[in-house]
Amino acid sequence: MNQKHYSIAVDGPSGAGKSSLSKKISAAYHFVYLDTGAIYRTVGLAAGRAGIDRRSEQDLAAILPDLKIEIRYDNAGLQRMILNGEDVSEAIRMPEISLYASDVSALPVCRAYLLEMQRRFAREYNVILDGRDIGTVVLPDADLKIYLTASSDARAKRRLKELLEKGVDTTFDEVLKDIELRDFQDTTREIAPLRQAEDAVLVDTSELDFDQSFEVLCSVIEENLPVRRESEA
């Protein structure tokens, strides 16, 4: 008899805390956290190494059949990306690869190529995926869909704090403008725009800190799925 696996889709705008909260949830419930952005970065790295036009669907389509992309997890549970047998987990984080990843991810041929990989994980494991089109496109039949959001002001304040701690010289107005621009681009793009799935649970964390947000999400999960959190040591 096949074991039932559960899937959680977390969507929402930039700066809502999707990745950090999803990672903590995956550890608490022993789910697999799939960093979908890392997959697109791996394709971007391959495109860069091949020297193709990263905005050309025809050029990208020509190299995709020769790519072997694998996702593995190390002893610490961290996701590792393998490209044609090579661990590229560090290489895909280089700044120039961000540009390639952004461009290739906008191409329908790339999204179609990676769609089945993401869905296969959901069939084989208990998974939590975060992004902007997980509940609407990637996993439309997810067992639980969460739309995680916060006001643009709240997200800008959080992002500003992170940037200042990293020594980045910026202002609240600059960060807020960037977030509002990102929201516009994400919600108006032609392919898989950001939107709340009709059956998603809306969680607004504007007035919550990280730990409070985590507890709210845990409550939503346990109200909707037959899973329990591991006791914290």
Protein backbone atom coordinates (compact mmCIF):
# COMPACT_ATOMS: atom_id res chain seq x y z
CA MET A 1 0.00 0.00 0.00
CA ASN A 2 1.39 3.39 -0.95
CA GLN A 3 2.13 5.74 1.91
CA LYS A 4 0.24 9.04 1.86
CA HIS A 5 2.50 12.03 1.56
CA TYR A 6 1.44 15.55 2.45
CA SER A 7 2.32 18.71 0.59
CA ILE A 8 2.24 22.29 1.83
CA ALA A 9 2.39 25.18 -0.64
CA VAL A 10 3.45 28.57 0.70
CA ASP A 11 3.07 31.56 -1.59
CA GLY A 12 3.36 35.25 -0.98
CA PRO A 13 5.14 38.47 -1.85
CA SER A 14 8.82 39.27 -1.45
CA GLY A 15 9.93 39.81 2.13
CA ALA A 16 7.02 37.95 3.74
CA GLY A 17 9.36 35.43 5.37
CA LYS A 18 8.37 32.45 3.24
CA SER A 19 11.77 30.76 3.04
CA SER A 20 12.91 31.22 6.64
CA LEU A 21 9.55 30.12 8.05
CA SER A 22 9.24 27.20 5.62
CA LYS A 23 12.69 25.93 6.60
CA LYS A 24 11.81 26.01 10.29
CA ILE A 25 8.50 24.29 9.64
CA SER A 26 10.20 21.57 7.61
CA ALA A 27 12.49 20.81 10.56
CA ALA A 28 9.65 20.88 13.09
CA TYR A 29 7.50 18.43 11.14
CA HIS A 30 10.25 16.45 9.37
CA PHE A 31 9.06 17.58 5.96
CA VAL A 32 11.39 18.06 3.02
CA TYR A 33 11.90 21.73 2.23
CA LEU A 34 12.40 22.29 -1.47
CA ASP A 35 14.23 25.50 -2.36
CA THR A 36 12.73 26.00 -5.81
CA GLY A 37 14.88 29.08 -6.42
CA ALA A 38 18.02 26.94 -6.23
CA ILE A 39 16.71 24.78 -9.05
CA TYR A 40 16.25 27.77 -11.34
CA ARG A 41 19.71 29.01 -10.36
CA THR A 42 21.15 25.65 -11.42
CA VAL A 43 19.60 26.01 -14.88
CA GLY A 44 20.91 29.58 -14.97
CA LEU A 45 24.41 28.36 -14.14
CA ALA A 46 24.21 25.79 -16.95
CA ALA A 47 23.08 28.50 -19.36
CA GLY A 48 25.96 30.74 -18.31
CA ARG A 49 28.52 27.99 -18.72
CA ALA A 50 27.12 27.14 -22.15
CA GLY A 51 27.47 30.76 -23.21
CA ILE A 52 23.96 30.94 -24.61
CA ASP A 53 21.57 33.89 -24.73
CA ARG A 54 19.81 33.47 -21.41
CA ARG A 55 16.72 35.25 -22.74
CA SER A 56 16.40 32.95 -25.75
CA GLU A 57 13.89 30.17 -25.34
CA GLN A 58 15.30 28.41 -28.40
CA ASP A 59 18.86 28.47 -27.04
CA LEU A 60 17.80 27.20 -23.63
CA ALA A 61 15.62 24.47 -25.11
CA ALA A 62 18.68 23.20 -27.01
CA ILE A 63 20.72 22.53 -23.84
CA LEU A 64 17.99 21.28 -21.48
CA PRO A 65 17.98 17.66 -22.77
CA ASP A 66 21.66 17.30 -21.84
CA LEU A 67 21.25 18.56 -18.27
CA LYS A 68 21.09 16.15 -15.39
CA ILE A 69 19.90 18.03 -12.32
CA GLU A 70 19.68 16.24 -8.99
CA ILE A 71 18.66 17.38 -5.53
CA ARG A 72 20.38 15.78 -2.57
CA TYR A 73 20.46 16.50 1.14
CA ASP A 74 23.61 16.45 3.27
CA ASN A 75 23.95 15.15 6.83
CA ALA A 76 22.75 18.49 8.18
CA GLY A 77 19.62 18.28 6.05
CA LEU A 78 20.72 21.08 3.74
CA GLN A 79 19.71 20.94 0.10
CA ARG A 80 22.54 20.37 -2.36
CA MET A 81 22.21 20.96 -6.08
CA ILE A 82 23.99 18.56 -8.44
CA LEU A 83 24.52 19.48 -12.08
CA ASN A 84 25.78 16.69 -14.33
CA GLY A 85 27.40 15.01 -11.34
CA GLU A 86 28.98 18.19 -9.92
CA ASP A 87 27.90 19.76 -6.64
CA VAL A 88 27.17 23.36 -7.65
CA SER A 89 25.50 24.47 -4.42
CA GLU A 90 28.04 27.26 -3.88
CA ALA A 91 28.50 28.18 -7.53
CA ILE A 92 24.81 28.97 -8.03
CA ARG A 93 24.97 31.62 -5.29
CA MET A 94 27.40 33.84 -7.18
CA PRO A 95 25.88 37.26 -7.97
CA GLU A 96 26.13 36.90 -11.73
CA ILE A 97 24.10 33.69 -11.61
CA SER A 98 21.19 35.61 -10.13
CA LEU A 99 20.83 37.41 -13.45
CA TYR A 100 20.84 34.16 -15.40
CA ALA A 101 18.36 32.56 -12.98
CA SER A 102 15.99 35.52 -13.23
CA ASP A 103 15.99 35.44 -17.03
CA VAL A 104 15.69 31.69 -17.56
CA SER A 105 12.92 31.40 -14.97
CA ALA A 106 10.78 33.70 -17.10
CA LEU A 107 10.97 31.32 -20.06
CA PRO A 108 8.05 28.88 -20.43
CA VAL A 109 10.37 26.11 -21.61
CA CYS A 110 12.34 26.35 -18.36
CA ARG A 111 9.28 26.37 -16.12
CA ALA A 112 7.81 23.39 -17.95
CA TYR A 113 11.11 21.51 -17.68
CA LEU A 114 11.30 21.95 -13.91
CA LEU A 115 7.62 21.55 -13.13
CA GLU A 116 7.68 17.76 -13.11
CA MET A 117 10.78 17.70 -10.90
CA GLN A 118 8.98 19.72 -8.25
CA ARG A 119 5.83 17.65 -8.50
CA ARG A 120 7.80 14.41 -8.25
CA PHE A 121 9.15 15.49 -4.88
CA ALA A 122 5.60 16.08 -3.68
CA ARG A 123 4.67 12.54 -4.71
CA GLU A 124 7.64 10.95 -2.98
CA TYR A 125 7.99 12.95 0.26
CA ASN A 126 6.17 15.08 2.77
CA VAL A 127 7.13 18.47 1.34
CA ILE A 128 6.85 22.17 1.92
CA LEU A 129 7.52 24.40 -1.08
CA ASP A 130 7.54 28.17 -1.11
CA GLY A 131 7.37 30.61 -3.98
CA ARG A 132 4.93 32.73 -5.91
CA ASP A 133 3.05 30.13 -7.94
CA ILE A 134 3.30 26.96 -5.87
CA GLY A 135 -0.36 26.69 -4.91
CA THR A 136 -1.66 28.04 -8.20
CA VAL A 137 0.59 26.30 -10.74
CA VAL A 138 3.19 23.92 -9.32
CA LEU A 139 1.03 22.10 -6.75
CA PRO A 140 -2.59 23.06 -7.45
CA ASP A 141 -3.69 19.94 -5.51
CA ALA A 142 -1.50 20.59 -2.46
CA ASP A 143 -2.98 19.28 0.78
CA LEU A 144 -2.57 22.70 2.36
CA LYS A 145 -2.05 26.07 0.70
CA ILE A 146 -0.92 29.09 2.68
CA TYR A 147 -0.73 32.63 1.39
CA LEU A 148 1.79 34.37 3.62
CA THR A 149 1.81 38.12 3.44
CA ALA A 150 2.44 41.33 5.34
CA SER A 151 2.04 45.01 4.61
CA SER A 152 4.66 46.58 2.35
CA ASP A 153 5.75 48.79 5.26
CA ALA A 154 6.25 45.80 7.56
CA ARG A 155 8.20 43.90 4.93
CA ALA A 156 10.35 46.94 4.18
CA LYS A 157 11.21 47.37 7.86
CA ARG A 158 12.26 43.72 8.12
CA ARG A 159 14.31 43.87 4.95
CA LEU A 160 15.96 47.15 6.00
CA LYS A 161 17.02 45.58 9.30
CA GLU A 162 18.56 42.61 7.49
CA LEU A 163 20.44 44.83 5.04
CA LEU A 164 21.78 47.17 7.71
CA GLU A 165 23.01 44.18 9.73
CA LYS A 166 24.91 43.08 6.62
CA GLY A 167 26.48 46.51 6.28
CA VAL A 168 24.46 47.59 3.26
CA ASP A 169 24.03 51.36 3.10
CA THR A 170 20.38 51.99 2.26
CA THR A 171 17.26 53.72 3.52
CA PHE A 172 13.72 52.72 4.38
CA ASP A 173 12.34 54.64 1.39
CA GLU A 174 14.71 52.85 -0.99
CA VAL A 175 13.82 49.43 0.39
CA LEU A 176 10.09 50.19 0.34
CA LYS A 177 10.29 51.36 -3.28
CA ASP A 178 12.12 48.16 -4.24
CA ILE A 179 9.52 45.97 -2.52
CA GLU A 180 6.61 47.79 -4.14
CA LEU A 181 8.27 47.43 -7.56
CA ARG A 182 8.84 43.72 -6.95
CA ASP A 183 5.20 43.30 -5.93
CA PHE A 184 4.08 44.98 -9.14
CA GLN A 185 6.34 42.82 -11.29
CA ASP A 186 5.32 39.60 -9.54
CA THR A 187 1.59 40.26 -9.73
CA THR A 188 1.52 41.50 -13.32
CA ARG A 189 3.97 39.16 -15.04
CA GLU A 190 2.51 37.16 -17.91
CA ILE A 191 3.70 33.74 -16.75
CA ALA A 192 2.46 32.38 -13.40
CA PRO A 193 1.80 35.71 -11.66
CA LEU A 194 1.66 35.95 -7.89
CA ARG A 195 -1.87 35.55 -6.58
CA GLN A 196 -3.62 33.89 -3.68
CA ALA A 197 -5.14 30.53 -4.55
CA GLU A 198 -8.88 30.41 -3.88
CA ASP A 199 -8.45 27.65 -1.31
CA ALA A 200 -5.36 29.08 0.41
CA VAL A 201 -5.34 30.07 4.06
CA LEU A 202 -4.39 33.73 4.36
CA VAL A 203 -1.81 34.50 7.06
CA ASP A 204 -0.93 38.16 7.57
CA THR A 205 2.17 38.65 9.72
CA SER A 206 2.27 42.46 9.64
CA GLU A 207 1.91 42.68 13.42
CA LEU A 208 3.81 39.49 14.26
CA ASP A 209 7.48 38.75 14.85
CA PHE A 210 9.19 35.63 13.49
CA ASP A 211 8.37 33.33 16.43
CA GLN A 212 4.76 34.47 16.52
CA SER A 213 4.45 33.92 12.78
CA PHE A 214 5.89 30.42 13.18
CA GLU A 215 3.36 29.55 15.89
CA VAL A 216 0.46 30.78 13.77
CA LEU A 217 1.64 28.68 10.83
CA CYS A 218 2.01 25.62 13.04
CA SER A 219 -1.57 26.10 14.23
CA VAL A 220 -2.79 26.32 10.63
CA ILE A 221 -0.89 23.17 9.70
CA GLU A 222 -2.17 21.14 12.63
CA GLU A 223 -5.73 22.30 12.05
CA ASN A 224 -5.62 21.10 8.46
CA LEU A 225 -3.26 18.11 8.36
CA PRO A 226 -2.91 15.00 10.57
CA VAL A 227 0.66 15.87 11.56
CA ARG A 228 2.24 16.92 14.84
CA ARG A 229 5.27 18.98 15.62
CA GLU A 230 8.34 17.32 17.07
CA SER A 231 8.95 18.35 20.68
CA GLU A 232 11.71 20.94 20.83
CA ALA A 233 14.76 19.88 22.76
